[in-house]
């Protein structure tokens, strides 16, 4: 008896879902962050200027060279890259609930790495960030990112639903 097993999503589709999901989730992330800082009477560009210090150096805010355009570019590139990494990590996950849970967990992991590990070591401009807010917004990012894979059966697609090519005695597994 021959078996037809689930077919893994093509790499191109996995990367595209991760990139688009990461970009959309990153846009929502930065929009919420900009709203948050304006509620604290700070300029909306402040988070983007802070992000620009990743490439301009931690002193960029103090010396006035921090740049919102550079920050937006850096944020978009990181959002896409993180989205692609998530897509690759969940390639074989078939359960939408698990994908949702992993998305939120991924957001927690990004928060821990970015704010509890890297910021104190390399990116001191982020040390004054509101960590409870950053935690929540990173979980928000991961949860939104997971939506790019919900209903799409995250890491697989079913065999062709036209079963004319299946011979009698073939077992279809999922």
N, C-alpha and C. Protein backbone atom coordinates (compact mmCIF):
# COMPACT_ATOMS: atom_id res chain seq x y z
N UNK A 1 0.84 -1.17 0.00
CA UNK A 1 0.00 0.00 0.00
C UNK A 1 0.89 1.24 0.00
N UNK A 2 0.69 2.12 -0.98
CA UNK A 2 1.44 3.36 -1.05
C UNK A 2 0.79 4.39 -0.13
N UNK A 3 1.58 5.29 0.41
CA UNK A 3 1.05 6.35 1.26
C UNK A 3 1.41 7.71 0.66
N UNK A 4 0.45 8.60 0.69
CA UNK A 4 0.71 9.97 0.28
C UNK A 4 0.73 10.79 1.56
N UNK A 5 1.84 11.43 1.81
CA UNK A 5 1.96 12.21 3.04
C UNK A 5 1.78 13.69 2.74
N UNK A 6 1.58 14.46 3.79
CA UNK A 6 1.44 15.89 3.59
C UNK A 6 2.69 16.45 2.94
N UNK A 7 2.48 17.48 2.17
CA UNK A 7 3.56 18.10 1.43
C UNK A 7 3.92 19.41 2.12
N UNK A 8 5.19 19.62 2.35
CA UNK A 8 5.64 20.84 3.00
C UNK A 8 5.48 22.02 2.05
N UNK A 9 5.12 23.17 2.61
CA UNK A 9 4.97 24.39 1.83
C UNK A 9 6.31 24.72 1.15
N UNK A 10 6.27 25.18 -0.08
CA UNK A 10 7.52 25.57 -0.76
C UNK A 10 8.24 26.66 0.02
N UNK A 11 9.55 26.64 -0.04
CA UNK A 11 10.38 27.60 0.70
C UNK A 11 10.00 29.03 0.32
N UNK A 12 9.78 29.28 -0.94
CA UNK A 12 9.43 30.64 -1.40
C UNK A 12 8.16 31.14 -0.70
N UNK A 13 7.17 30.27 -0.58
CA UNK A 13 5.92 30.65 0.09
C UNK A 13 6.14 30.87 1.59
N UNK A 14 6.94 30.04 2.20
CA UNK A 14 7.24 30.19 3.63
C UNK A 14 7.93 31.52 3.89
N UNK A 15 8.94 31.83 3.08
CA UNK A 15 9.67 33.09 3.24
C UNK A 15 8.74 34.28 2.98
N UNK A 16 7.90 34.19 1.97
CA UNK A 16 6.98 35.29 1.65
C UNK A 16 5.99 35.53 2.78
N UNK A 17 5.42 34.46 3.32
CA UNK A 17 4.48 34.62 4.45
C UNK A 17 5.18 35.24 5.65
N UNK A 18 6.39 34.77 5.93
CA UNK A 18 7.14 35.32 7.05
C UNK A 18 7.48 36.79 6.84
N UNK A 19 7.90 37.13 5.63
CA UNK A 19 8.28 38.52 5.34
C UNK A 19 7.08 39.46 5.42
N UNK A 20 5.99 39.08 4.77
CA UNK A 20 4.79 39.93 4.78
C UNK A 20 4.19 39.98 6.19
N UNK A 21 4.10 38.82 6.84
CA UNK A 21 3.57 38.80 8.20
C UNK A 21 4.42 39.64 9.14
N UNK A 22 5.74 39.53 9.00
CA UNK A 22 6.64 40.31 9.84
C UNK A 22 6.51 41.80 9.59
N UNK A 23 6.39 42.17 8.32
CA UNK A 23 6.26 43.58 7.98
C UNK A 23 4.95 44.17 8.50
N UNK A 24 3.85 43.44 8.32
CA UNK A 24 2.55 43.92 8.81
C UNK A 24 2.54 43.99 10.33
N UNK A 25 3.03 42.94 10.99
CA UNK A 25 3.07 42.94 12.45
C UNK A 25 4.01 44.04 12.96
N UNK A 26 5.12 44.26 12.26
CA UNK A 26 6.05 45.32 12.64
C UNK A 26 5.45 46.71 12.47
N UNK A 27 4.63 46.89 11.42
CA UNK A 27 3.96 48.18 11.21
C UNK A 27 2.97 48.45 12.34
N UNK A 28 2.22 47.41 12.72
CA UNK A 28 1.28 47.57 13.84
C UNK A 28 2.04 47.85 15.14
N UNK A 29 3.14 47.14 15.33
CA UNK A 29 4.00 47.32 16.50
C UNK A 29 4.47 48.77 16.62
N UNK A 30 5.00 49.32 15.53
CA UNK A 30 5.54 50.67 15.60
C UNK A 30 4.42 51.69 15.73
N UNK A 31 3.27 51.43 15.12
CA UNK A 31 2.13 52.34 15.26
C UNK A 31 1.67 52.41 16.72
N UNK A 32 1.56 51.27 17.37
CA UNK A 32 1.15 51.23 18.77
C UNK A 32 2.21 51.91 19.64
N UNK A 33 3.48 51.68 19.33
CA UNK A 33 4.56 52.29 20.09
C UNK A 33 4.55 53.81 19.94
N UNK A 34 4.31 54.28 18.72
CA UNK A 34 4.25 55.73 18.49
C UNK A 34 3.05 56.34 19.22
N UNK A 35 1.92 55.66 19.20
CA UNK A 35 0.76 56.13 19.96
C UNK A 35 1.11 56.20 21.45
N UNK A 36 1.77 55.16 21.96
CA UNK A 36 2.11 55.11 23.38
C UNK A 36 3.00 56.29 23.78
N UNK A 37 4.03 56.57 23.00
CA UNK A 37 4.94 57.66 23.39
C UNK A 37 4.25 59.02 23.29
N UNK A 38 3.33 59.18 22.35
CA UNK A 38 2.61 60.46 22.29
C UNK A 38 1.70 60.62 23.50
N UNK A 39 1.21 59.51 24.04
CA UNK A 39 0.39 59.60 25.26
C UNK A 39 1.23 60.02 26.46
N UNK A 40 2.54 59.93 26.33
CA UNK A 40 3.47 60.36 27.38
C UNK A 40 4.07 61.73 27.05
N UNK A 41 3.44 62.44 26.11
CA UNK A 41 3.89 63.77 25.66
C UNK A 41 5.28 63.76 25.05
N UNK A 42 5.61 62.68 24.39
CA UNK A 42 6.87 62.60 23.64
C UNK A 42 6.51 62.66 22.16
N UNK A 43 7.44 63.07 21.32
CA UNK A 43 7.14 63.11 19.88
C UNK A 43 7.00 61.69 19.31
N UNK A 44 6.10 61.54 18.35
CA UNK A 44 5.84 60.23 17.74
C UNK A 44 7.09 59.64 17.10
N UNK A 45 8.00 60.48 16.65
CA UNK A 45 9.22 60.00 15.99
C UNK A 45 10.24 59.43 16.99
N UNK A 46 10.05 59.65 18.27
CA UNK A 46 11.02 59.23 19.28
C UNK A 46 11.37 57.74 19.20
N UNK A 47 10.39 56.82 19.06
CA UNK A 47 10.79 55.41 18.98
C UNK A 47 11.65 55.12 17.75
N UNK A 48 11.32 55.76 16.63
CA UNK A 48 12.10 55.54 15.41
C UNK A 48 13.51 56.09 15.55
N UNK A 49 13.63 57.23 16.22
CA UNK A 49 14.96 57.78 16.47
C UNK A 49 15.75 56.85 17.38
N UNK A 50 15.08 56.27 18.37
CA UNK A 50 15.75 55.31 19.25
C UNK A 50 16.22 54.09 18.49
N UNK A 51 15.37 53.59 17.61
CA UNK A 51 15.72 52.41 16.81
C UNK A 51 16.91 52.72 15.89
N UNK A 52 17.00 53.96 15.42
CA UNK A 52 18.12 54.30 14.53
C UNK A 52 19.47 54.17 15.23
N UNK A 53 19.47 54.18 16.56
CA UNK A 53 20.74 54.04 17.28
C UNK A 53 21.35 52.65 17.12
N UNK A 54 20.55 51.71 16.64
CA UNK A 54 21.09 50.37 16.37
C UNK A 54 22.20 50.45 15.34
N UNK A 55 22.04 51.33 14.35
CA UNK A 55 23.09 51.48 13.33
C UNK A 55 23.93 52.74 13.53
N UNK A 56 23.36 53.77 14.17
CA UNK A 56 24.09 55.03 14.34
C UNK A 56 24.89 55.09 15.64
N UNK A 57 24.63 54.16 16.54
CA UNK A 57 25.32 54.16 17.82
C UNK A 57 24.47 54.75 18.92
N UNK A 58 24.71 54.30 20.15
CA UNK A 58 23.89 54.70 21.28
C UNK A 58 23.92 56.20 21.57
N UNK A 59 24.95 56.90 21.17
CA UNK A 59 25.04 58.33 21.42
C UNK A 59 24.28 59.18 20.42
N UNK A 60 23.65 58.58 19.43
CA UNK A 60 22.99 59.34 18.36
C UNK A 60 21.85 60.21 18.87
N UNK A 61 21.14 59.76 19.88
CA UNK A 61 20.04 60.57 20.42
C UNK A 61 20.61 61.82 21.08
N UNK A 62 21.64 61.63 21.88
CA UNK A 62 22.24 62.77 22.59
C UNK A 62 22.91 63.77 21.66
N UNK A 63 23.57 63.29 20.63
CA UNK A 63 24.28 64.23 19.74
C UNK A 63 23.41 64.75 18.60
N UNK A 64 22.15 64.33 18.56
CA UNK A 64 21.21 64.85 17.57
C UNK A 64 21.26 64.19 16.21
N UNK A 65 22.03 63.13 16.07
CA UNK A 65 22.13 62.47 14.76
C UNK A 65 21.12 61.33 14.58
N UNK A 66 20.34 61.05 15.62
CA UNK A 66 19.30 60.01 15.48
C UNK A 66 18.34 60.42 14.38
N UNK A 67 17.91 59.45 13.58
CA UNK A 67 17.13 59.76 12.39
C UNK A 67 15.94 58.81 12.30
N UNK A 68 14.72 59.38 12.24
CA UNK A 68 13.50 58.57 12.19
C UNK A 68 13.43 57.72 10.92
N UNK A 69 13.90 58.25 9.79
CA UNK A 69 13.88 57.48 8.54
C UNK A 69 14.77 56.25 8.62
N UNK A 70 15.94 56.42 9.20
CA UNK A 70 16.84 55.27 9.39
C UNK A 70 16.20 54.29 10.36
N UNK A 71 15.60 54.82 11.42
CA UNK A 71 14.92 53.95 12.39
C UNK A 71 13.80 53.15 11.76
N UNK A 72 13.02 53.78 10.89
CA UNK A 72 11.93 53.09 10.21
C UNK A 72 12.48 51.97 9.32
N UNK A 73 13.55 52.26 8.61
CA UNK A 73 14.17 51.26 7.74
C UNK A 73 14.70 50.09 8.56
N UNK A 74 15.41 50.39 9.64
CA UNK A 74 15.95 49.33 10.50
C UNK A 74 14.82 48.50 11.08
N UNK A 75 13.76 49.17 11.54
CA UNK A 75 12.63 48.44 12.13
C UNK A 75 11.97 47.53 11.10
N UNK A 76 11.79 48.03 9.88
CA UNK A 76 11.17 47.22 8.82
C UNK A 76 12.03 46.01 8.49
N UNK A 77 13.34 46.22 8.36
CA UNK A 77 14.24 45.10 8.04
C UNK A 77 14.22 44.06 9.15
N UNK A 78 14.28 44.50 10.40
CA UNK A 78 14.24 43.55 11.52
C UNK A 78 12.90 42.83 11.59
N UNK A 79 11.81 43.54 11.34
CA UNK A 79 10.47 42.92 11.37
C UNK A 79 10.36 41.83 10.32
N UNK A 80 10.86 42.10 9.13
CA UNK A 80 10.84 41.11 8.05
C UNK A 80 11.74 39.92 8.41
N UNK A 81 12.94 40.21 8.88
CA UNK A 81 13.88 39.13 9.23
C UNK A 81 13.31 38.25 10.34
N UNK A 82 12.77 38.87 11.39
CA UNK A 82 12.16 38.10 12.48
C UNK A 82 10.97 37.29 11.97
N UNK A 83 10.21 37.85 11.04
CA UNK A 83 9.08 37.12 10.47
C UNK A 83 9.52 35.89 9.70
N UNK A 84 10.59 36.03 8.93
CA UNK A 84 11.11 34.89 8.16
C UNK A 84 11.65 33.82 9.10
N UNK A 85 12.36 34.22 10.15
CA UNK A 85 12.87 33.24 11.12
C UNK A 85 11.71 32.48 11.74
N UNK A 86 10.65 33.19 12.14
CA UNK A 86 9.48 32.52 12.73
C UNK A 86 8.87 31.54 11.73
N UNK A 87 8.74 31.97 10.48
CA UNK A 87 8.16 31.11 9.44
C UNK A 87 8.94 29.80 9.30
N UNK A 88 10.25 29.92 9.30
CA UNK A 88 11.09 28.73 9.17
C UNK A 88 10.96 27.84 10.41
N UNK A 89 10.89 28.46 11.59
CA UNK A 89 10.79 27.68 12.83
C UNK A 89 9.49 26.88 12.93
N UNK A 90 8.42 27.40 12.36
CA UNK A 90 7.13 26.71 12.50
C UNK A 90 6.73 25.94 11.25
N UNK A 91 7.68 25.69 10.39
CA UNK A 91 7.38 25.04 9.10
C UNK A 91 6.53 23.79 9.23
N UNK A 92 6.75 22.98 10.23
CA UNK A 92 6.03 21.71 10.33
C UNK A 92 4.87 21.73 11.33
N UNK A 93 4.56 22.88 11.87
CA UNK A 93 3.46 22.97 12.83
C UNK A 93 2.14 22.99 12.08
N UNK A 94 1.22 22.11 12.46
CA UNK A 94 -0.03 21.96 11.74
C UNK A 94 -1.24 22.46 12.53
N UNK A 95 -1.05 22.87 13.74
CA UNK A 95 -2.16 23.22 14.61
C UNK A 95 -2.22 24.74 14.79
N UNK A 96 -3.34 25.35 14.40
CA UNK A 96 -3.46 26.80 14.48
C UNK A 96 -3.34 27.33 15.90
N UNK A 97 -3.87 26.61 16.87
CA UNK A 97 -3.75 27.02 18.26
C UNK A 97 -2.30 27.03 18.71
N UNK A 98 -1.57 26.03 18.29
CA UNK A 98 -0.15 25.97 18.64
C UNK A 98 0.63 27.08 17.95
N UNK A 99 0.28 27.38 16.70
CA UNK A 99 0.92 28.48 15.99
C UNK A 99 0.69 29.79 16.75
N UNK A 100 -0.54 30.00 17.23
CA UNK A 100 -0.85 31.21 18.01
C UNK A 100 -0.01 31.29 19.27
N UNK A 101 0.06 30.18 19.99
CA UNK A 101 0.84 30.14 21.22
C UNK A 101 2.33 30.38 20.93
N UNK A 102 2.83 29.76 19.88
CA UNK A 102 4.23 29.94 19.52
C UNK A 102 4.52 31.37 19.07
N UNK A 103 3.55 32.02 18.42
CA UNK A 103 3.73 33.42 18.02
C UNK A 103 3.90 34.32 19.24
N UNK A 104 3.02 34.15 20.23
CA UNK A 104 3.14 34.94 21.46
C UNK A 104 4.44 34.63 22.18
N UNK A 105 4.81 33.36 22.22
CA UNK A 105 6.06 32.95 22.86
C UNK A 105 7.26 33.54 22.13
N UNK A 106 7.19 33.58 20.82
CA UNK A 106 8.25 34.18 20.01
C UNK A 106 8.40 35.66 20.35
N UNK A 107 7.28 36.35 20.56
CA UNK A 107 7.33 37.74 20.97
C UNK A 107 8.04 37.91 22.31
N UNK A 108 7.75 37.00 23.25
CA UNK A 108 8.44 37.03 24.55
C UNK A 108 9.93 36.83 24.35
N UNK A 109 10.29 35.87 23.53
CA UNK A 109 11.70 35.59 23.25
C UNK A 109 12.40 36.81 22.64
N UNK A 110 11.74 37.47 21.70
CA UNK A 110 12.31 38.68 21.10
C UNK A 110 12.52 39.76 22.15
N UNK A 111 11.55 39.93 23.05
CA UNK A 111 11.69 40.91 24.13
C UNK A 111 12.90 40.57 25.00
N UNK A 112 13.00 39.31 25.41
CA UNK A 112 14.10 38.91 26.29
C UNK A 112 15.45 39.16 25.61
N UNK A 113 15.58 38.72 24.37
CA UNK A 113 16.85 38.88 23.67
C UNK A 113 17.16 40.37 23.45
N UNK A 114 16.17 41.13 22.97
CA UNK A 114 16.42 42.53 22.63
C UNK A 114 16.61 43.43 23.85
N UNK A 115 15.79 43.25 24.88
CA UNK A 115 15.80 44.20 25.99
C UNK A 115 16.53 43.71 27.24
N UNK A 116 16.61 42.42 27.43
CA UNK A 116 17.27 41.93 28.63
C UNK A 116 18.69 41.43 28.37
N UNK A 117 18.99 41.12 27.10
CA UNK A 117 20.33 40.64 26.77
C UNK A 117 21.10 41.70 25.96
N UNK A 118 20.60 42.05 24.78
CA UNK A 118 21.35 42.94 23.89
C UNK A 118 21.40 44.39 24.36
N UNK A 119 20.29 44.91 24.84
CA UNK A 119 20.27 46.33 25.24
C UNK A 119 21.33 46.63 26.31
N UNK A 120 21.41 45.85 27.39
CA UNK A 120 22.44 46.19 28.39
C UNK A 120 23.87 46.01 27.86
N UNK A 121 24.06 45.09 26.93
CA UNK A 121 25.40 44.83 26.43
C UNK A 121 25.84 45.79 25.34
N UNK A 122 24.94 46.11 24.41
CA UNK A 122 25.34 46.83 23.21
C UNK A 122 24.52 48.08 22.92
N UNK A 123 23.25 48.08 23.25
CA UNK A 123 22.36 49.16 22.84
C UNK A 123 21.82 49.91 24.06
N UNK A 124 22.68 50.69 24.66
CA UNK A 124 22.34 51.36 25.91
C UNK A 124 21.23 52.39 25.75
N UNK A 125 20.96 52.84 24.53
CA UNK A 125 19.87 53.79 24.30
C UNK A 125 18.52 53.18 24.67
N UNK A 126 18.43 51.85 24.73
CA UNK A 126 17.17 51.17 25.04
C UNK A 126 17.00 50.87 26.53
N UNK A 127 18.01 51.18 27.32
CA UNK A 127 17.93 50.85 28.75
C UNK A 127 16.81 51.60 29.46
N UNK A 128 16.47 52.79 29.00
CA UNK A 128 15.42 53.57 29.65
C UNK A 128 14.02 53.27 29.15
N UNK A 129 13.89 52.29 28.26
CA UNK A 129 12.58 51.96 27.69
C UNK A 129 11.63 51.45 28.77
N UNK A 130 10.36 51.66 28.55
CA UNK A 130 9.33 51.15 29.45
C UNK A 130 9.21 49.64 29.21
N UNK A 131 9.87 48.86 30.05
CA UNK A 131 9.95 47.42 29.80
C UNK A 131 8.60 46.70 29.85
N UNK A 132 7.69 47.04 30.77
CA UNK A 132 6.38 46.38 30.71
C UNK A 132 5.67 46.64 29.38
N UNK A 133 5.72 47.87 28.89
CA UNK A 133 5.12 48.16 27.59
C UNK A 133 5.82 47.39 26.48
N UNK A 134 7.14 47.39 26.50
CA UNK A 134 7.90 46.68 25.47
C UNK A 134 7.58 45.18 25.48
N UNK A 135 7.41 44.62 26.65
CA UNK A 135 7.03 43.20 26.76
C UNK A 135 5.70 42.99 26.04
N UNK A 136 4.71 43.81 26.37
CA UNK A 136 3.36 43.65 25.78
C UNK A 136 3.40 43.84 24.27
N UNK A 137 4.11 44.86 23.80
CA UNK A 137 4.11 45.13 22.36
C UNK A 137 4.89 44.05 21.59
N UNK A 138 5.87 43.42 22.22
CA UNK A 138 6.57 42.31 21.55
C UNK A 138 5.67 41.06 21.49
N UNK A 139 4.89 40.81 22.53
CA UNK A 139 3.92 39.71 22.47
C UNK A 139 2.87 40.01 21.40
N UNK A 140 2.46 41.26 21.30
CA UNK A 140 1.52 41.70 20.27
C UNK A 140 2.10 41.42 18.88
N UNK A 141 3.38 41.77 18.67
CA UNK A 141 4.04 41.50 17.39
C UNK A 141 4.00 40.00 17.06
N UNK A 142 4.42 39.19 18.02
CA UNK A 142 4.45 37.74 17.77
C UNK A 142 3.08 37.17 17.49
N UNK A 143 2.07 37.67 18.20
CA UNK A 143 0.70 37.19 17.99
C UNK A 143 0.17 37.60 16.63
N UNK A 144 0.44 38.84 16.22
CA UNK A 144 0.03 39.27 14.88
C UNK A 144 0.79 38.51 13.80
N UNK A 145 2.05 38.28 14.03
CA UNK A 145 2.85 37.51 13.08
C UNK A 145 2.26 36.13 12.88
N UNK A 146 1.83 35.50 13.95
CA UNK A 146 1.24 34.16 13.86
C UNK A 146 0.01 34.14 12.96
N UNK A 147 -0.72 35.24 12.91
CA UNK A 147 -1.92 35.29 12.06
C UNK A 147 -1.61 35.04 10.59
N UNK A 148 -0.40 35.32 10.17
CA UNK A 148 -0.02 35.07 8.77
C UNK A 148 -0.02 33.58 8.47
N UNK A 149 -0.05 32.76 9.51
CA UNK A 149 0.03 31.30 9.33
C UNK A 149 -1.22 30.58 9.80
N UNK A 150 -2.15 31.28 10.41
CA UNK A 150 -3.38 30.68 10.89
C UNK A 150 -4.28 30.38 9.69
N UNK A 151 -4.83 29.18 9.67
CA UNK A 151 -5.71 28.80 8.58
C UNK A 151 -4.97 28.38 7.33
N UNK A 152 -3.70 28.69 7.26
CA UNK A 152 -2.90 28.28 6.12
C UNK A 152 -2.19 26.99 6.41
N UNK A 153 -2.50 26.39 7.54
CA UNK A 153 -1.90 25.15 7.99
C UNK A 153 -0.39 25.27 8.05
N UNK A 154 0.04 26.34 8.63
CA UNK A 154 1.41 26.74 8.90
C UNK A 154 2.52 26.03 8.17
N UNK A 155 2.63 24.74 8.25
CA UNK A 155 3.80 24.11 7.66
C UNK A 155 3.49 23.07 6.61
N UNK A 156 2.29 22.98 6.15
CA UNK A 156 2.02 21.96 5.16
C UNK A 156 0.80 22.33 4.33
N UNK A 157 0.65 21.64 3.26
CA UNK A 157 -0.60 21.72 2.51
C UNK A 157 -1.03 20.30 2.21
N UNK A 158 -2.28 20.14 2.08
CA UNK A 158 -2.79 18.79 1.83
C UNK A 158 -2.45 18.36 0.40
N UNK A 159 -2.37 17.08 0.22
CA UNK A 159 -2.15 16.63 -1.16
C UNK A 159 -3.28 17.14 -2.05
N UNK A 160 -3.03 17.17 -3.32
CA UNK A 160 -4.03 17.61 -4.28
C UNK A 160 -5.37 16.95 -3.96
N UNK A 161 -6.43 17.76 -3.87
CA UNK A 161 -7.73 17.20 -3.50
C UNK A 161 -8.37 16.42 -4.65
N UNK A 162 -7.83 16.52 -5.83
CA UNK A 162 -8.29 15.70 -6.94
C UNK A 162 -7.61 14.34 -6.79
N UNK A 163 -8.35 13.38 -6.34
CA UNK A 163 -7.77 12.07 -6.04
C UNK A 163 -7.82 11.10 -7.22
N UNK A 164 -8.01 11.64 -8.45
CA UNK A 164 -8.05 10.78 -9.62
C UNK A 164 -6.75 10.01 -9.82
N UNK A 165 -5.65 10.56 -9.34
CA UNK A 165 -4.35 9.94 -9.54
C UNK A 165 -4.04 8.89 -8.48
N UNK A 166 -4.90 8.77 -7.49
CA UNK A 166 -4.65 7.80 -6.42
C UNK A 166 -5.24 6.46 -6.82
N UNK A 167 -4.41 5.46 -6.76
CA UNK A 167 -4.85 4.13 -7.14
C UNK A 167 -5.54 3.45 -5.95
N UNK A 168 -6.39 2.49 -6.22
CA UNK A 168 -7.05 1.77 -5.12
C UNK A 168 -5.99 1.18 -4.18
N UNK A 169 -6.28 1.26 -2.90
CA UNK A 169 -5.37 0.73 -1.91
C UNK A 169 -4.37 1.74 -1.38
N UNK A 170 -4.40 2.97 -1.93
CA UNK A 170 -3.50 4.02 -1.46
C UNK A 170 -4.08 4.65 -0.21
N UNK A 171 -3.26 4.77 0.82
CA UNK A 171 -3.68 5.38 2.07
C UNK A 171 -3.22 6.84 2.06
N UNK A 172 -4.14 7.77 2.33
CA UNK A 172 -3.81 9.18 2.41
C UNK A 172 -3.66 9.54 3.87
N UNK A 173 -2.49 10.07 4.25
CA UNK A 173 -2.25 10.45 5.64
C UNK A 173 -2.19 11.96 5.75
N UNK A 174 -2.50 12.43 6.91
CA UNK A 174 -2.45 13.89 7.13
C UNK A 174 -1.64 14.19 8.32
